[in-house]
Amino acid sequence: MTILDLATKRKTARKFKLIPIKDEDIECILETARQAPSGSNRQPWRFIIVKSPEMKKNIRESAEAGERGFYDNLSPERKVWYNEKGLSPSKPNLTEAPVLIVVVGDTSAPNYKPSLWVSIAYMVLAIEERGLATVTYTPSDPNLVSEALGVPDGLMVESILPIGFSDDPKEKETRFKVSEITFRERWEGN
């Protein structure tokens, strides 16, 4: 498959089958991530692979505590939008997915976030290539998850990728056409 084929086929999954993931698949995903470009070649990413039910439960509890605080502060309009999308503070995929890859950023690296997210994009396509699925979950309070994982100062949990074989019936969200998001030479329109 081409990269365009993988990107076109890929959809977010929040529900997973209870089928184990091969270690070689995880190694391939991480090998792909480490090939991403980064500002000043600092490679400001670190990865924590989590498989144990106990640790996944700790991560979920920490993540959900942060989500509850986030949801409590949403505007009424935004709460309606989240509810329509089926989103809530509950994150069962963090305990149901066979594997979590927790992406940790080195906050001392210049422009660490853009570099880190490029590595995540590489992982997302590698996950799809292996016939697996994920969602890029960004904790509302990454400090709580960082604390649960013992992440040292100067580093921060940026995202958690629950990985597994999709059991999510939801269709891929529609995408804008290239003509709707592209301008030539300068900005046009509103």
Protein backbone atom coordinates (compact mmCIF):
# COMPACT_ATOMS: atom_id res chain seq x y z
CA MET A 1 0.00 0.00 0.00
CA THR A 2 1.11 3.56 -0.63
CA ILE A 3 1.13 6.16 2.12
CA LEU A 4 -1.96 7.72 0.53
CA ASP A 5 -3.72 4.32 0.60
CA LEU A 6 -2.86 3.89 4.30
CA ALA A 7 -3.98 7.42 5.17
CA THR A 8 -7.21 7.07 3.20
CA LYS A 9 -8.07 3.71 4.77
CA ARG A 10 -7.14 4.67 8.35
CA LYS A 11 -9.89 5.56 10.80
CA THR A 12 -9.93 6.21 14.50
CA ALA A 13 -10.82 3.23 16.68
CA ARG A 14 -11.93 3.45 20.29
CA LYS A 15 -13.03 -0.19 20.66
CA PHE A 16 -10.69 -3.15 20.29
CA LYS A 17 -10.91 -6.91 19.97
CA LEU A 18 -9.32 -8.97 22.73
CA ILE A 19 -6.59 -10.33 20.45
CA PRO A 20 -2.96 -10.04 21.59
CA ILE A 21 -0.56 -7.86 19.59
CA LYS A 22 2.75 -9.33 18.43
CA ASP A 23 5.89 -7.79 19.93
CA GLU A 24 7.31 -7.52 16.40
CA ASP A 25 4.40 -5.24 15.44
CA ILE A 26 5.15 -2.93 18.37
CA GLU A 27 8.87 -2.92 17.51
CA CYS A 28 8.08 -2.00 13.89
CA ILE A 29 5.79 0.83 15.02
CA LEU A 30 8.49 2.22 17.33
CA GLU A 31 11.20 1.82 14.69
CA THR A 32 9.04 3.82 12.31
CA ALA A 33 8.45 6.54 14.93
CA ARG A 34 12.14 6.99 15.63
CA GLN A 35 12.77 7.75 11.94
CA ALA A 36 10.68 10.94 12.12
CA PRO A 37 12.43 14.27 11.57
CA SER A 38 12.83 16.54 14.58
CA GLY A 39 13.98 20.07 15.31
CA SER A 40 17.78 20.17 15.71
CA ASN A 41 17.62 16.35 15.55
CA ARG A 42 16.81 16.32 19.27
CA GLN A 43 14.40 13.39 18.87
CA PRO A 44 12.39 14.62 21.88
CA TRP A 45 10.24 11.52 22.17
CA ARG A 46 10.30 8.60 24.54
CA PHE A 47 7.85 5.72 24.56
CA ILE A 48 6.43 3.61 27.37
CA ILE A 49 4.88 0.32 26.28
CA VAL A 50 2.15 -0.77 28.67
CA LYS A 51 0.56 -4.22 28.57
CA SER A 52 -0.21 -5.12 32.17
CA PRO A 53 -3.86 -4.78 33.23
CA GLU A 54 -2.81 -3.19 36.52
CA MET A 55 -0.77 -0.43 34.88
CA LYS A 56 -3.43 0.19 32.22
CA LYS A 57 -5.97 0.57 35.06
CA ASN A 58 -3.71 3.14 36.80
CA ILE A 59 -3.35 5.10 33.56
CA ARG A 60 -7.09 5.00 32.91
CA GLU A 61 -7.94 6.19 36.43
CA SER A 62 -5.45 9.07 36.15
CA ALA A 63 -6.68 10.02 32.68
CA GLU A 64 -10.34 9.91 33.69
CA ALA A 65 -9.69 12.10 36.73
CA GLY A 66 -8.24 14.73 34.40
CA GLU A 67 -11.12 14.30 31.94
CA ARG A 68 -13.73 14.85 34.64
CA GLY A 69 -12.11 18.20 35.49
CA PHE A 70 -12.01 19.12 31.80
CA TYR A 71 -15.65 18.16 31.17
CA ASP A 72 -16.82 20.04 34.27
CA ASN A 73 -15.46 23.25 32.75
CA LEU A 74 -16.91 22.88 29.24
CA SER A 75 -19.34 25.45 27.91
CA PRO A 76 -22.91 24.15 27.47
CA GLU A 77 -22.52 24.29 23.67
CA ARG A 78 -19.32 22.29 23.74
CA LYS A 79 -20.87 19.70 26.09
CA VAL A 80 -23.64 19.19 23.54
CA TRP A 81 -21.05 18.72 20.78
CA TYR A 82 -19.07 16.19 22.86
CA ASN A 83 -22.26 14.29 23.71
CA GLU A 84 -23.31 14.20 20.03
CA LYS A 85 -19.90 12.69 19.18
CA GLY A 86 -20.31 10.08 21.94
CA LEU A 87 -17.35 11.46 23.89
CA SER A 88 -17.19 11.47 27.67
CA PRO A 89 -14.69 11.40 30.55
CA SER A 90 -14.82 7.59 30.46
CA LYS A 91 -11.87 6.07 28.59
CA PRO A 92 -12.47 2.29 28.54
CA ASN A 93 -10.14 1.86 25.57
CA LEU A 94 -7.21 2.53 27.90
CA THR A 95 -7.88 -0.77 29.68
CA GLU A 96 -9.43 -2.71 26.80
CA ALA A 97 -6.71 -2.24 24.17
CA PRO A 98 -4.07 -4.99 24.34
CA VAL A 99 -1.22 -2.45 24.24
CA LEU A 100 -0.78 1.21 25.09
CA ILE A 101 2.09 3.25 23.73
CA VAL A 102 2.49 6.29 25.95
CA VAL A 103 4.33 9.08 24.14
CA VAL A 104 6.46 11.23 26.41
CA GLY A 105 7.97 14.53 25.28
CA ASP A 106 11.24 16.10 26.34
CA THR A 107 10.03 19.59 27.20
CA SER A 108 13.59 21.00 27.17
CA ALA A 109 13.98 20.40 23.44
CA PRO A 110 13.23 23.39 21.21
CA ASN A 111 9.85 23.02 19.50
CA TYR A 112 9.47 19.57 20.99
CA LYS A 113 5.72 19.30 20.38
CA PRO A 114 5.74 19.60 16.57
CA SER A 115 8.58 17.06 16.36
CA LEU A 116 6.85 14.70 18.74
CA TRP A 117 3.60 14.86 16.79
CA VAL A 118 5.42 14.04 13.55
CA SER A 119 6.67 10.85 15.24
CA ILE A 120 3.08 10.09 16.31
CA ALA A 121 1.88 10.56 12.73
CA TYR A 122 4.53 8.09 11.59
CA MET A 123 3.30 5.63 14.23
CA VAL A 124 -0.33 6.04 13.20
CA LEU A 125 0.50 5.05 9.62
CA ALA A 126 2.72 2.16 10.78
CA ILE A 127 -0.15 0.93 12.98
CA GLU A 128 -2.46 0.97 9.97
CA GLU A 129 0.12 -0.80 7.81
CA ARG A 130 0.28 -3.64 10.36
CA GLY A 131 -3.51 -4.09 10.20
CA LEU A 132 -3.99 -2.55 13.63
CA ALA A 133 -5.92 0.51 14.81
CA THR A 134 -5.57 3.33 17.32
CA VAL A 135 -6.78 6.71 18.50
CA THR A 136 -4.41 9.52 19.43
CA TYR A 137 -5.68 10.28 22.91
CA THR A 138 -4.30 13.43 24.52
CA PRO A 139 -4.96 13.48 28.27
CA SER A 140 -6.67 16.64 29.51
CA ASP A 141 -4.35 16.65 32.52
CA PRO A 142 -1.10 15.02 31.39
CA ASN A 143 0.47 15.70 34.80
CA LEU A 144 -1.79 13.09 36.41
CA VAL A 145 -0.81 10.43 33.86
CA SER A 146 2.87 11.43 34.03
CA GLU A 147 2.75 11.04 37.80
CA ALA A 148 1.07 7.62 37.55
CA LEU A 149 3.86 6.46 35.24
CA GLY A 150 6.72 7.97 37.26
CA VAL A 151 7.77 10.26 34.41
CA PRO A 152 10.59 12.53 35.65
CA ASP A 153 10.56 16.34 35.64
CA GLY A 154 11.37 17.86 32.29
CA LEU A 155 9.38 15.17 30.49
CA MET A 156 5.61 15.07 29.95
CA VAL A 157 3.05 12.59 28.68
CA GLU A 158 1.75 14.05 25.44
CA SER A 159 -0.39 11.27 24.03
CA ILE A 160 -1.49 7.71 24.61
CA LEU A 161 -2.06 5.37 21.68
CA PRO A 162 -4.25 2.39 22.59
CA ILE A 163 -3.41 -0.23 19.96
CA GLY A 164 -5.29 -3.30 18.86
CA PHE A 165 -7.45 -4.85 16.19
CA SER A 166 -10.44 -2.57 15.67
CA ASP A 167 -13.83 -3.60 16.95
CA ASP A 168 -15.21 -0.12 16.33
CA PRO A 169 -18.16 -0.05 13.91
CA LYS A 170 -18.02 3.73 13.51
CA GLU A 171 -17.25 4.88 9.98
CA LYS A 172 -14.34 7.15 9.16
CA GLU A 173 -15.23 10.82 9.51
CA THR A 174 -15.49 12.68 6.21
CA ARG A 175 -12.60 14.84 5.08
CA PHE A 176 -12.62 18.16 3.30
CA LYS A 177 -11.72 18.10 -0.39
CA VAL A 178 -8.23 19.33 -1.28
CA SER A 179 -9.86 22.24 -3.14
CA GLU A 180 -11.62 23.28 0.08
CA ILE A 181 -8.42 23.54 2.12
CA THR A 182 -5.86 24.72 -0.42
CA PHE A 183 -5.01 28.13 -1.80
CA ARG A 184 -2.45 29.04 -4.46
CA GLU A 185 0.16 31.71 -3.88
CA ARG A 186 -1.84 33.53 -1.16
CA TRP A 187 -4.91 33.26 1.08
CA GLU A 188 -8.24 33.58 -0.72
CA GLY A 189 -11.74 33.99 0.62
CA ASN A 190 -12.83 33.98 4.23
